[in-house]
Amino acid sequence: MRDFTLQTYRQLLNALKQAGYVFITYETYCEARAKNVAPAGRFVIMRHDVDLRAENSLKTAQIEAETGVKASYYFRVVPQSNQPEIIRKIAALGHEIGYHYEDMAIANGDTDVAIKHFEKQLTYFRQFYPVRTICMHGAPTSRYDGRDLWKQYNYRDFGIIGEPYFDTDFSQVTYLTDTGRCWDGYKVSLRDKIPVYQDRWISAGLVFHTTFDIIDRLHTDDAQTMNEGLPEGLLITTHPQRWTNNKAQWLKELLTQRAKNIVKRILIVCSNA
């Protein structure tokens, strides 16, 4: 089977369920943390960054609904992501909707302009869902890190209770992301990575390249140690544009991402020079 197809995504969900994981939204996780209550047992937060091809997100959302899974979908303001009818349909399926913000990049680093843009877009997305969590869009081609906006402002002043890069306890939650169209894309990621903790996860053997690597680990997940099994708390991020049964679209995404990864490697080298 090919990786990054809808069949493979369904396999991943089923493997997680069979391994005893309970699916919660990021909003639910933040509510529990605010009460100093840790989720009981194994749990997984499925976070989806809708960067492009919003229609693909509807397909993953439908698969999740069919299997009793609730996930968190973060939408950008660009038209490739911001598709009102699709957002409404995903919300109607019971999923959380959040704002995938990149206001610093849009405002060219002007924090005053950026915060006004943030507030306006937050109001816009709240017509579809009472948005309470947000998530930074990496914007690798921009010199501005969206999270820098919060050095001057506080997102909690806007009724936001969580942002994954700030409000996740990564000592208790292991982060897996398909950035780079693989599961070890932290090697070529500019911003979608977790410093310090990533080294700990690597040392613990929590390194995967394909979705099938994760599924195989879950299928043998009756072990008692982290090296042999998977941790109790997981935050899994996907970019639904990558997950498709359309062969032409699948191939285009594969080739495009390979080219992007080369560019990212160059940018990382330049930034460290």
C-alpha atoms as a PDB file:
ATOM      1  CA  MET A   1       0.000   0.000   0.000  1.00  0.00           C
ATOM      2  CA  ARG A   2       1.037   3.590  -0.604  1.00  0.00           C
ATOM      3  CA  ASP A   3       1.565   5.926   2.300  1.00  0.00           C
ATOM      4  CA  PHE A   4      -0.472   9.131   2.667  1.00  0.00           C
ATOM      5  CA  THR A   5      -3.664   7.732   1.194  1.00  0.00           C
ATOM      6  CA  LEU A   6      -7.063   7.835   2.884  1.00  0.00           C
ATOM      7  CA  GLN A   7      -6.912   4.068   3.379  1.00  0.00           C
ATOM      8  CA  THR A   8      -3.620   4.447   5.207  1.00  0.00           C
ATOM      9  CA  TYR A   9      -5.058   7.232   7.353  1.00  0.00           C
ATOM     10  CA  ARG A  10      -7.998   5.023   8.299  1.00  0.00           C
ATOM     11  CA  GLN A  11      -5.514   2.268   9.196  1.00  0.00           C
ATOM     12  CA  LEU A  12      -3.686   4.679  11.495  1.00  0.00           C
ATOM     13  CA  LEU A  13      -6.899   5.636  13.299  1.00  0.00           C
ATOM     14  CA  ASN A  14      -7.907   2.001  13.722  1.00  0.00           C
ATOM     15  CA  ALA A  15      -4.464   1.037  15.028  1.00  0.00           C
ATOM     16  CA  LEU A  16      -4.635   3.825  17.614  1.00  0.00           C
ATOM     17  CA  LYS A  17      -8.097   2.706  18.732  1.00  0.00           C
ATOM     18  CA  GLN A  18      -7.028  -0.937  18.935  1.00  0.00           C
ATOM     19  CA  ALA A  19      -4.069   0.111  21.080  1.00  0.00           C
ATOM     20  CA  GLY A  20      -6.483   1.663  23.561  1.00  0.00           C
ATOM     21  CA  TYR A  21      -6.111   5.348  22.747  1.00  0.00           C
ATOM     22  CA  VAL A  22      -9.012   7.733  23.391  1.00  0.00           C
ATOM     23  CA  PHE A  23      -9.306  10.633  20.943  1.00  0.00           C
ATOM     24  CA  ILE A  24      -9.758  14.140  22.353  1.00  0.00           C
ATOM     25  CA  THR A  25      -9.682  17.580  20.777  1.00  0.00           C
ATOM     26  CA  TYR A  26      -7.016  20.104  21.683  1.00  0.00           C
ATOM     27  CA  GLU A  27      -9.743  22.239  23.247  1.00  0.00           C
ATOM     28  CA  THR A  28     -10.675  19.370  25.571  1.00  0.00           C
ATOM     29  CA  TYR A  29      -7.021  18.858  26.480  1.00  0.00           C
ATOM     30  CA  CYS A  30      -6.630  22.552  27.382  1.00  0.00           C
ATOM     31  CA  GLU A  31      -9.812  22.522  29.469  1.00  0.00           C
ATOM     32  CA  ALA A  32      -8.446  19.588  31.454  1.00  0.00           C
ATOM     33  CA  ARG A  33      -5.075  21.254  31.983  1.00  0.00           C
ATOM     34  CA  ALA A  34      -6.767  24.422  33.220  1.00  0.00           C
ATOM     35  CA  LYS A  35      -8.384  22.300  35.933  1.00  0.00           C
ATOM     36  CA  ASN A  36      -5.087  20.517  36.668  1.00  0.00           C
ATOM     37  CA  VAL A  37      -6.694  17.278  35.548  1.00  0.00           C
ATOM     38  CA  ALA A  38      -4.625  14.943  33.395  1.00  0.00           C
ATOM     39  CA  PRO A  39      -6.465  12.828  30.796  1.00  0.00           C
ATOM     40  CA  ALA A  40      -6.908   9.311  32.157  1.00  0.00           C
ATOM     41  CA  GLY A  41      -5.140   6.483  30.367  1.00  0.00           C
ATOM     42  CA  ARG A  42      -4.001   6.647  26.783  1.00  0.00           C
ATOM     43  CA  PHE A  43      -5.121   9.636  24.765  1.00  0.00           C
ATOM     44  CA  VAL A  44      -4.329  11.145  21.392  1.00  0.00           C
ATOM     45  CA  ILE A  45      -5.020  14.632  20.062  1.00  0.00           C
ATOM     46  CA  MET A  46      -5.442  14.603  16.285  1.00  0.00           C
ATOM     47  CA  ARG A  47      -4.513  18.053  15.020  1.00  0.00           C
ATOM     48  CA  HIS A  48      -4.947  18.943  11.360  1.00  0.00           C
ATOM     49  CA  ASP A  49      -3.279  21.995   9.805  1.00  0.00           C
ATOM     50  CA  VAL A  50      -5.366  22.901   6.762  1.00  0.00           C
ATOM     51  CA  ASP A  51      -2.728  24.675   4.699  1.00  0.00           C
ATOM     52  CA  LEU A  52      -4.038  23.822   1.217  1.00  0.00           C
ATOM     53  CA  ARG A  53      -6.779  21.773  -0.499  1.00  0.00           C
ATOM     54  CA  ALA A  54      -9.484  22.195   2.119  1.00  0.00           C
ATOM     55  CA  GLU A  55     -11.557  19.526   0.362  1.00  0.00           C
ATOM     56  CA  ASN A  56      -9.038  16.899   1.512  1.00  0.00           C
ATOM     57  CA  SER A  57      -9.724  17.910   5.105  1.00  0.00           C
ATOM     58  CA  LEU A  58     -13.404  17.177   4.674  1.00  0.00           C
ATOM     59  CA  LYS A  59     -12.528  13.641   3.601  1.00  0.00           C
ATOM     60  CA  THR A  60     -10.341  12.978   6.650  1.00  0.00           C
ATOM     61  CA  ALA A  61     -13.025  14.563   8.855  1.00  0.00           C
ATOM     62  CA  GLN A  62     -15.643  12.217   7.398  1.00  0.00           C
ATOM     63  CA  ILE A  63     -13.439   9.164   7.999  1.00  0.00           C
ATOM     64  CA  GLU A  64     -12.958  10.287  11.602  1.00  0.00           C
ATOM     65  CA  ALA A  65     -16.683  10.794  12.102  1.00  0.00           C
ATOM     66  CA  GLU A  66     -17.345   7.291  10.746  1.00  0.00           C
ATOM     67  CA  THR A  67     -14.928   5.829  13.303  1.00  0.00           C
ATOM     68  CA  GLY A  68     -16.139   7.922  16.252  1.00  0.00           C
ATOM     69  CA  VAL A  69     -13.105  10.217  16.311  1.00  0.00           C
ATOM     70  CA  LYS A  70     -13.169  13.946  17.118  1.00  0.00           C
ATOM     71  CA  ALA A  71     -10.251  16.008  15.870  1.00  0.00           C
ATOM     72  CA  SER A  72      -9.054  19.620  15.752  1.00  0.00           C
ATOM     73  CA  TYR A  73      -8.891  21.440  12.391  1.00  0.00           C
ATOM     74  CA  TYR A  74      -6.939  24.691  12.039  1.00  0.00           C
ATOM     75  CA  PHE A  75      -7.737  26.866   9.021  1.00  0.00           C
ATOM     76  CA  ARG A  76      -5.657  29.615   7.418  1.00  0.00           C
ATOM     77  CA  VAL A  77      -7.163  32.775   5.938  1.00  0.00           C
ATOM     78  CA  VAL A  78      -5.874  32.050   2.410  1.00  0.00           C
ATOM     79  CA  PRO A  79      -8.540  30.843  -0.056  1.00  0.00           C
ATOM     80  CA  GLN A  80      -6.891  27.420  -0.500  1.00  0.00           C
ATOM     81  CA  SER A  81      -7.736  26.778   3.154  1.00  0.00           C
ATOM     82  CA  ASN A  82     -10.551  29.172   3.981  1.00  0.00           C
ATOM     83  CA  GLN A  83     -13.518  27.455   2.342  1.00  0.00           C
ATOM     84  CA  PRO A  84     -16.654  28.398   4.367  1.00  0.00           C
ATOM     85  CA  GLU A  85     -18.853  25.500   3.282  1.00  0.00           C
ATOM     86  CA  ILE A  86     -16.162  22.964   4.052  1.00  0.00           C
ATOM     87  CA  ILE A  87     -15.492  24.546   7.453  1.00  0.00           C
ATOM     88  CA  ARG A  88     -19.227  24.366   8.251  1.00  0.00           C
ATOM     89  CA  LYS A  89     -19.407  20.700   7.228  1.00  0.00           C
ATOM     90  CA  ILE A  90     -16.380  19.753   9.336  1.00  0.00           C
ATOM     91  CA  ALA A  91     -17.800  21.593  12.357  1.00  0.00           C
ATOM     92  CA  ALA A  92     -21.156  19.846  11.815  1.00  0.00           C
ATOM     93  CA  LEU A  93     -19.362  16.501  12.051  1.00  0.00           C
ATOM     94  CA  GLY A  94     -18.427  17.382  15.632  1.00  0.00           C
ATOM     95  CA  HIS A  95     -14.827  18.446  15.117  1.00  0.00           C
ATOM     96  CA  GLU A  96     -13.115  21.438  16.685  1.00  0.00           C
ATOM     97  CA  ILE A  97     -12.333  24.430  14.465  1.00  0.00           C
ATOM     98  CA  GLY A  98      -9.356  26.687  15.202  1.00  0.00           C
ATOM     99  CA  TYR A  99      -7.447  29.546  13.605  1.00  0.00           C
ATOM    100  CA  HIS A 100      -4.157  28.639  11.896  1.00  0.00           C
ATOM    101  CA  TYR A 101      -2.630  32.066  12.316  1.00  0.00           C
ATOM    102  CA  GLU A 102       0.191  33.667  10.331  1.00  0.00           C
ATOM    103  CA  ASP A 103      -0.521  37.307  11.105  1.00  0.00           C
ATOM    104  CA  MET A 104       3.111  38.336  11.591  1.00  0.00           C
ATOM    105  CA  ALA A 105       3.998  37.139   8.095  1.00  0.00           C
ATOM    106  CA  ILE A 106       0.962  38.874   6.584  1.00  0.00           C
ATOM    107  CA  ALA A 107       1.782  42.120   8.436  1.00  0.00           C
ATOM    108  CA  ASN A 108       5.496  41.947   7.570  1.00  0.00           C
ATOM    109  CA  GLY A 109       6.434  41.878  11.225  1.00  0.00           C
ATOM    110  CA  ASP A 110       4.368  44.890  12.296  1.00  0.00           C
ATOM    111  CA  THR A 111       2.873  43.672  15.566  1.00  0.00           C
ATOM    112  CA  ASP A 112       0.221  46.407  15.738  1.00  0.00           C
ATOM    113  CA  VAL A 113      -1.060  45.537  12.277  1.00  0.00           C
ATOM    114  CA  ALA A 114      -0.731  41.823  13.031  1.00  0.00           C
ATOM    115  CA  ILE A 115      -2.836  41.892  16.207  1.00  0.00           C
ATOM    116  CA  LYS A 116      -5.633  43.778  14.454  1.00  0.00           C
ATOM    117  CA  HIS A 117      -5.546  41.226  11.658  1.00  0.00           C
ATOM    118  CA  PHE A 118      -5.561  38.397  14.218  1.00  0.00           C
ATOM    119  CA  GLU A 119      -8.612  39.780  16.010  1.00  0.00           C
ATOM    120  CA  LYS A 120     -10.499  40.301  12.749  1.00  0.00           C
ATOM    121  CA  GLN A 121      -9.813  36.760  11.521  1.00  0.00           C
ATOM    122  CA  LEU A 122     -10.613  35.238  14.893  1.00  0.00           C
ATOM    123  CA  THR A 123     -14.009  36.947  14.767  1.00  0.00           C
ATOM    124  CA  TYR A 124     -14.495  35.604  11.256  1.00  0.00           C
ATOM    125  CA  PHE A 125     -13.768  31.976  12.175  1.00  0.00           C
ATOM    126  CA  ARG A 126     -15.990  32.214  15.222  1.00  0.00           C
ATOM    127  CA  GLN A 127     -19.023  32.387  12.949  1.00  0.00           C
ATOM    128  CA  PHE A 128     -18.401  28.669  12.256  1.00  0.00           C
ATOM    129  CA  TYR A 129     -17.338  27.523  15.727  1.00  0.00           C
ATOM    130  CA  PRO A 130     -16.690  29.162  19.141  1.00  0.00           C
ATOM    131  CA  VAL A 131     -12.928  29.114  18.535  1.00  0.00           C
ATOM    132  CA  ARG A 132     -10.970  28.712  21.763  1.00  0.00           C
ATOM    133  CA  THR A 133      -7.643  27.389  20.495  1.00  0.00           C
ATOM    134  CA  ILE A 134      -5.261  28.625  17.833  1.00  0.00           C
ATOM    135  CA  CYS A 135      -2.146  27.212  16.196  1.00  0.00           C
ATOM    136  CA  MET A 136       0.784  28.883  14.483  1.00  0.00           C
ATOM    137  CA  HIS A 137       1.297  28.319  10.751  1.00  0.00           C
ATOM    138  CA  GLY A 138       5.002  27.767  10.136  1.00  0.00           C
ATOM    139  CA  ALA A 139       5.169  30.004   7.021  1.00  0.00           C
ATOM    140  CA  PRO A 140       8.650  28.723   6.066  1.00  0.00           C
ATOM    141  CA  THR A 141       9.099  31.312   3.314  1.00  0.00           C
ATOM    142  CA  SER A 142       8.604  34.182   5.777  1.00  0.00           C
ATOM    143  CA  ARG A 143      11.306  35.566   8.042  1.00  0.00           C
ATOM    144  CA  TYR A 144       8.692  36.181  10.738  1.00  0.00           C
ATOM    145  CA  ASP A 145       7.705  33.616  13.334  1.00  0.00           C
ATOM    146  CA  GLY A 146       3.986  33.955  14.072  1.00  0.00           C
ATOM    147  CA  ARG A 147       4.546  33.140  17.732  1.00  0.00           C
ATOM    148  CA  ASP A 148       6.542  36.335  18.188  1.00  0.00           C
ATOM    149  CA  LEU A 149       3.244  38.213  18.242  1.00  0.00           C
ATOM    150  CA  TRP A 150       2.724  36.912  21.767  1.00  0.00           C
ATOM    151  CA  LYS A 151       5.882  38.586  23.026  1.00  0.00           C
ATOM    152  CA  GLN A 152       3.871  41.811  22.980  1.00  0.00           C
ATOM    153  CA  TYR A 153       0.280  40.581  23.267  1.00  0.00           C
ATOM    154  CA  ASN A 154      -1.564  37.803  25.107  1.00  0.00           C
ATOM    155  CA  TYR A 155      -3.909  35.535  23.167  1.00  0.00           C
ATOM    156  CA  ARG A 156      -5.827  34.790  26.367  1.00  0.00           C
ATOM    157  CA  ASP A 157      -7.156  38.343  26.206  1.00  0.00           C
ATOM    158  CA  PHE A 158      -9.100  37.177  23.139  1.00  0.00           C
ATOM    159  CA  GLY A 159     -10.755  34.210  24.836  1.00  0.00           C
ATOM    160  CA  ILE A 160      -8.142  31.712  23.645  1.00  0.00           C
ATOM    161  CA  ILE A 161      -7.322  28.923  26.104  1.00  0.00           C
ATOM    162  CA  GLY A 162      -4.595  27.148  24.193  1.00  0.00           C
ATOM    163  CA  GLU A 163      -1.891  27.205  21.526  1.00  0.00           C
ATOM    164  CA  PRO A 164      -0.127  23.848  20.998  1.00  0.00           C
ATOM    165  CA  TYR A 165       3.414  25.223  20.979  1.00  0.00           C
ATOM    166  CA  PHE A 166       2.862  27.058  24.278  1.00  0.00           C
ATOM    167  CA  ASP A 167       0.233  25.081  26.163  1.00  0.00           C
ATOM    168  CA  THR A 168       1.104  21.429  25.628  1.00  0.00           C
ATOM    169  CA  ASP A 169       2.982  19.629  28.382  1.00  0.00           C
ATOM    170  CA  PHE A 170       5.546  17.912  26.179  1.00  0.00           C
ATOM    171  CA  SER A 171       7.000  16.111  29.175  1.00  0.00           C
ATOM    172  CA  GLN A 172       3.762  14.101  29.127  1.00  0.00           C
ATOM    173  CA  VAL A 173       2.726  14.370  25.459  1.00  0.00           C
ATOM    174  CA  THR A 174       4.834  13.089  22.558  1.00  0.00           C
ATOM    175  CA  TYR A 175       4.576  15.051  19.327  1.00  0.00           C
ATOM    176  CA  LEU A 176       4.401  13.374  15.913  1.00  0.00           C
ATOM    177  CA  THR A 177       3.929  15.425  12.742  1.00  0.00           C
ATOM    178  CA  ASP A 178       3.884  14.650   9.023  1.00  0.00           C
ATOM    179  CA  THR A 179       5.730  17.882   8.232  1.00  0.00           C
ATOM    180  CA  GLY A 180       7.882  17.233   5.176  1.00  0.00           C
ATOM    181  CA  ARG A 181       5.522  14.407   4.133  1.00  0.00           C
ATOM    182  CA  CYS A 182       7.211  12.000   6.506  1.00  0.00           C
ATOM    183  CA  TRP A 183       7.153  11.462  10.247  1.00  0.00           C
ATOM    184  CA  ASP A 184      10.777  12.449  10.857  1.00  0.00           C
ATOM    185  CA  GLY A 185      10.448  15.784   9.087  1.00  0.00           C
ATOM    186  CA  TYR A 186      11.804  17.679  12.087  1.00  0.00           C
ATOM    187  CA  LYS A 187      15.127  17.327  10.275  1.00  0.00           C
ATOM    188  CA  VAL A 188      13.962  19.751   7.589  1.00  0.00           C
ATOM    189  CA  SER A 189      11.429  21.798   9.557  1.00  0.00           C
ATOM    190  CA  LEU A 190      12.089  25.431  10.350  1.00  0.00           C
ATOM    191  CA  ARG A 191       9.405  25.876  13.018  1.00  0.00           C
ATOM    192  CA  ASP A 192       7.226  22.754  13.391  1.00  0.00           C
ATOM    193  CA  LYS A 193       9.448  21.035  15.924  1.00  0.00           C
ATOM    194  CA  ILE A 194       9.837  20.855  19.682  1.00  0.00           C
ATOM    195  CA  PRO A 195      13.375  21.704  20.889  1.00  0.00           C
ATOM    196  CA  VAL A 196      14.885  19.706  23.783  1.00  0.00           C
ATOM    197  CA  TYR A 197      12.005  17.223  23.911  1.00  0.00           C
ATOM    198  CA  GLN A 198      12.724  16.095  20.348  1.00  0.00           C
ATOM    199  CA  ASP A 199      16.158  14.889  21.468  1.00  0.00           C
ATOM    200  CA  ARG A 200      14.538  12.945  24.315  1.00  0.00           C
ATOM    201  CA  TRP A 201      12.069  11.275  21.959  1.00  0.00           C
ATOM    202  CA  ILE A 202      14.887  10.334  19.589  1.00  0.00           C
ATOM    203  CA  SER A 203      16.841   8.820  22.489  1.00  0.00           C
ATOM    204  CA  ALA A 204      13.726   6.864  23.478  1.00  0.00           C
ATOM    205  CA  GLY A 205      13.450   5.389  19.992  1.00  0.00           C
ATOM    206  CA  LEU A 206      10.325   7.355  19.098  1.00  0.00           C
ATOM    207  CA  VAL A 207      11.445   8.005  15.522  1.00  0.00           C
ATOM    208  CA  PHE A 208       9.288   7.021  12.558  1.00  0.00           C
ATOM    209  CA  HIS A 209       9.627   7.681   8.853  1.00  0.00           C
ATOM    210  CA  THR A 210       6.413   6.291   7.393  1.00  0.00           C
ATOM    211  CA  THR A 211       2.872   5.952   8.708  1.00  0.00           C
ATOM    212  CA  PHE A 212       3.347   2.190   8.523  1.00  0.00           C
ATOM    213  CA  ASP A 213       6.227   2.481  10.997  1.00  0.00           C
ATOM    214  CA  ILE A 214       3.817   4.012  13.509  1.00  0.00           C
ATOM    215  CA  ILE A 215       1.129   1.421  12.766  1.00  0.00           C
ATOM    216  CA  ASP A 216       3.615  -1.426  13.200  1.00  0.00           C
ATOM    217  CA  ARG A 217       4.655  -0.030  16.589  1.00  0.00           C
ATOM    218  CA  LEU A 218       1.011   0.218  17.630  1.00  0.00           C
ATOM    219  CA  HIS A 219       0.320  -3.361  16.582  1.00  0.00           C
ATOM    220  CA  THR A 220       3.004  -4.569  19.000  1.00  0.00           C
ATOM    221  CA  ASP A 221       2.114  -1.998  21.626  1.00  0.00           C
ATOM    222  CA  ASP A 222       1.637  -4.331  24.563  1.00  0.00           C
ATOM    223  CA  ALA A 223       5.116  -3.550  25.844  1.00  0.00           C
ATOM    224  CA  GLN A 224       5.778  -1.949  29.203  1.00  0.00           C
ATOM    225  CA  THR A 225       8.600   0.377  28.191  1.00  0.00           C
ATOM    226  CA  MET A 226       8.598   3.494  26.064  1.00  0.00           C
ATOM    227  CA  ASN A 227      11.328   2.091  23.827  1.00  0.00           C
ATOM    228  CA  GLU A 228       9.093  -0.800  22.779  1.00  0.00           C
ATOM    229  CA  GLY A 229       5.663   0.811  22.868  1.00  0.00           C
ATOM    230  CA  LEU A 230       4.235   4.294  22.476  1.00  0.00           C
ATOM    231  CA  PRO A 231       3.735   6.847  25.275  1.00  0.00           C
ATOM    232  CA  GLU A 232       0.324   7.332  26.853  1.00  0.00           C
ATOM    233  CA  GLY A 233      -0.125  10.886  25.572  1.00  0.00           C
ATOM    234  CA  LEU A 234       0.195  11.731  21.861  1.00  0.00           C
ATOM    235  CA  LEU A 235      -0.289  14.871  19.802  1.00  0.00           C
ATOM    236  CA  ILE A 236      -0.386  13.912  16.129  1.00  0.00           C
ATOM    237  CA  THR A 237      -0.370  16.626  13.484  1.00  0.00           C
ATOM    238  CA  THR A 238      -1.280  15.978   9.866  1.00  0.00           C
ATOM    239  CA  HIS A 239      -1.606  18.206   6.823  1.00  0.00           C
ATOM    240  CA  PRO A 240      -4.650  16.743   5.019  1.00  0.00           C
ATOM    241  CA  GLN A 241      -3.489  18.082   1.642  1.00  0.00           C
ATOM    242  CA  ARG A 242      -0.995  15.191   1.681  1.00  0.00           C
ATOM    243  CA  TRP A 243      -3.619  12.489   2.247  1.00  0.00           C
ATOM    244  CA  THR A 244      -5.431  11.549  -0.944  1.00  0.00           C
ATOM    245  CA  ASN A 245      -6.510   8.627  -3.114  1.00  0.00           C
ATOM    246  CA  ASN A 246      -6.160  10.732  -6.257  1.00  0.00           C
ATOM    247  CA  LYS A 247      -3.002   9.347  -7.859  1.00  0.00           C
ATOM    248  CA  ALA A 248      -2.159  12.509  -9.809  1.00  0.00           C
ATOM    249  CA  GLN A 249      -2.610  14.679  -6.719  1.00  0.00           C
ATOM    250  CA  TRP A 250      -0.681  12.170  -4.602  1.00  0.00           C
ATOM    251  CA  LEU A 251       2.278  12.216  -7.010  1.00  0.00           C
ATOM    252  CA  LYS A 252       2.251  16.003  -7.272  1.00  0.00           C
ATOM    253  CA  GLU A 253       2.325  16.326  -3.494  1.00  0.00           C
ATOM    254  CA  LEU A 254       5.193  13.829  -3.295  1.00  0.00           C
ATOM    255  CA  LEU A 255       7.347  15.643  -5.842  1.00  0.00           C
ATOM    256  CA  THR A 256       6.463  19.116  -4.573  1.00  0.00           C
ATOM    257  CA  GLN A 257       7.307  18.199  -0.989  1.00  0.00           C
ATOM    258  CA  ARG A 258      10.624  16.694  -1.989  1.00  0.00           C
ATOM    259  CA  ALA A 259      11.543  19.987  -3.638  1.00  0.00           C
ATOM    260  CA  LYS A 260      10.352  21.939  -0.591  1.00  0.00           C
ATOM    261  CA  ASN A 261      12.448  19.786   1.718  1.00  0.00           C
ATOM    262  CA  ILE A 262      15.566  20.625  -0.301  1.00  0.00           C
ATOM    263  CA  VAL A 263      14.787  24.335   0.020  1.00  0.00           C
ATOM    264  CA  LYS A 264      14.140  23.947   3.754  1.00  0.00           C
ATOM    265  CA  ARG A 265      17.509  22.253   4.233  1.00  0.00           C
ATOM    266  CA  ILE A 266      19.190  25.196   2.518  1.00  0.00           C
ATOM    267  CA  LEU A 267      17.279  27.695   4.669  1.00  0.00           C
ATOM    268  CA  ILE A 268      18.255  25.817   7.830  1.00  0.00           C
ATOM    269  CA  VAL A 269      21.926  25.848   6.823  1.00  0.00           C
ATOM    270  CA  CYS A 270      21.736  29.577   6.038  1.00  0.00           C
ATOM    271  CA  SER A 271      19.990  30.381   9.328  1.00  0.00           C
ATOM    272  CA  ASN A 272      22.676  28.494  11.268  1.00  0.00           C
ATOM    273  CA  ALA A 273      25.544  30.102   9.361  1.00  0.00           C
END
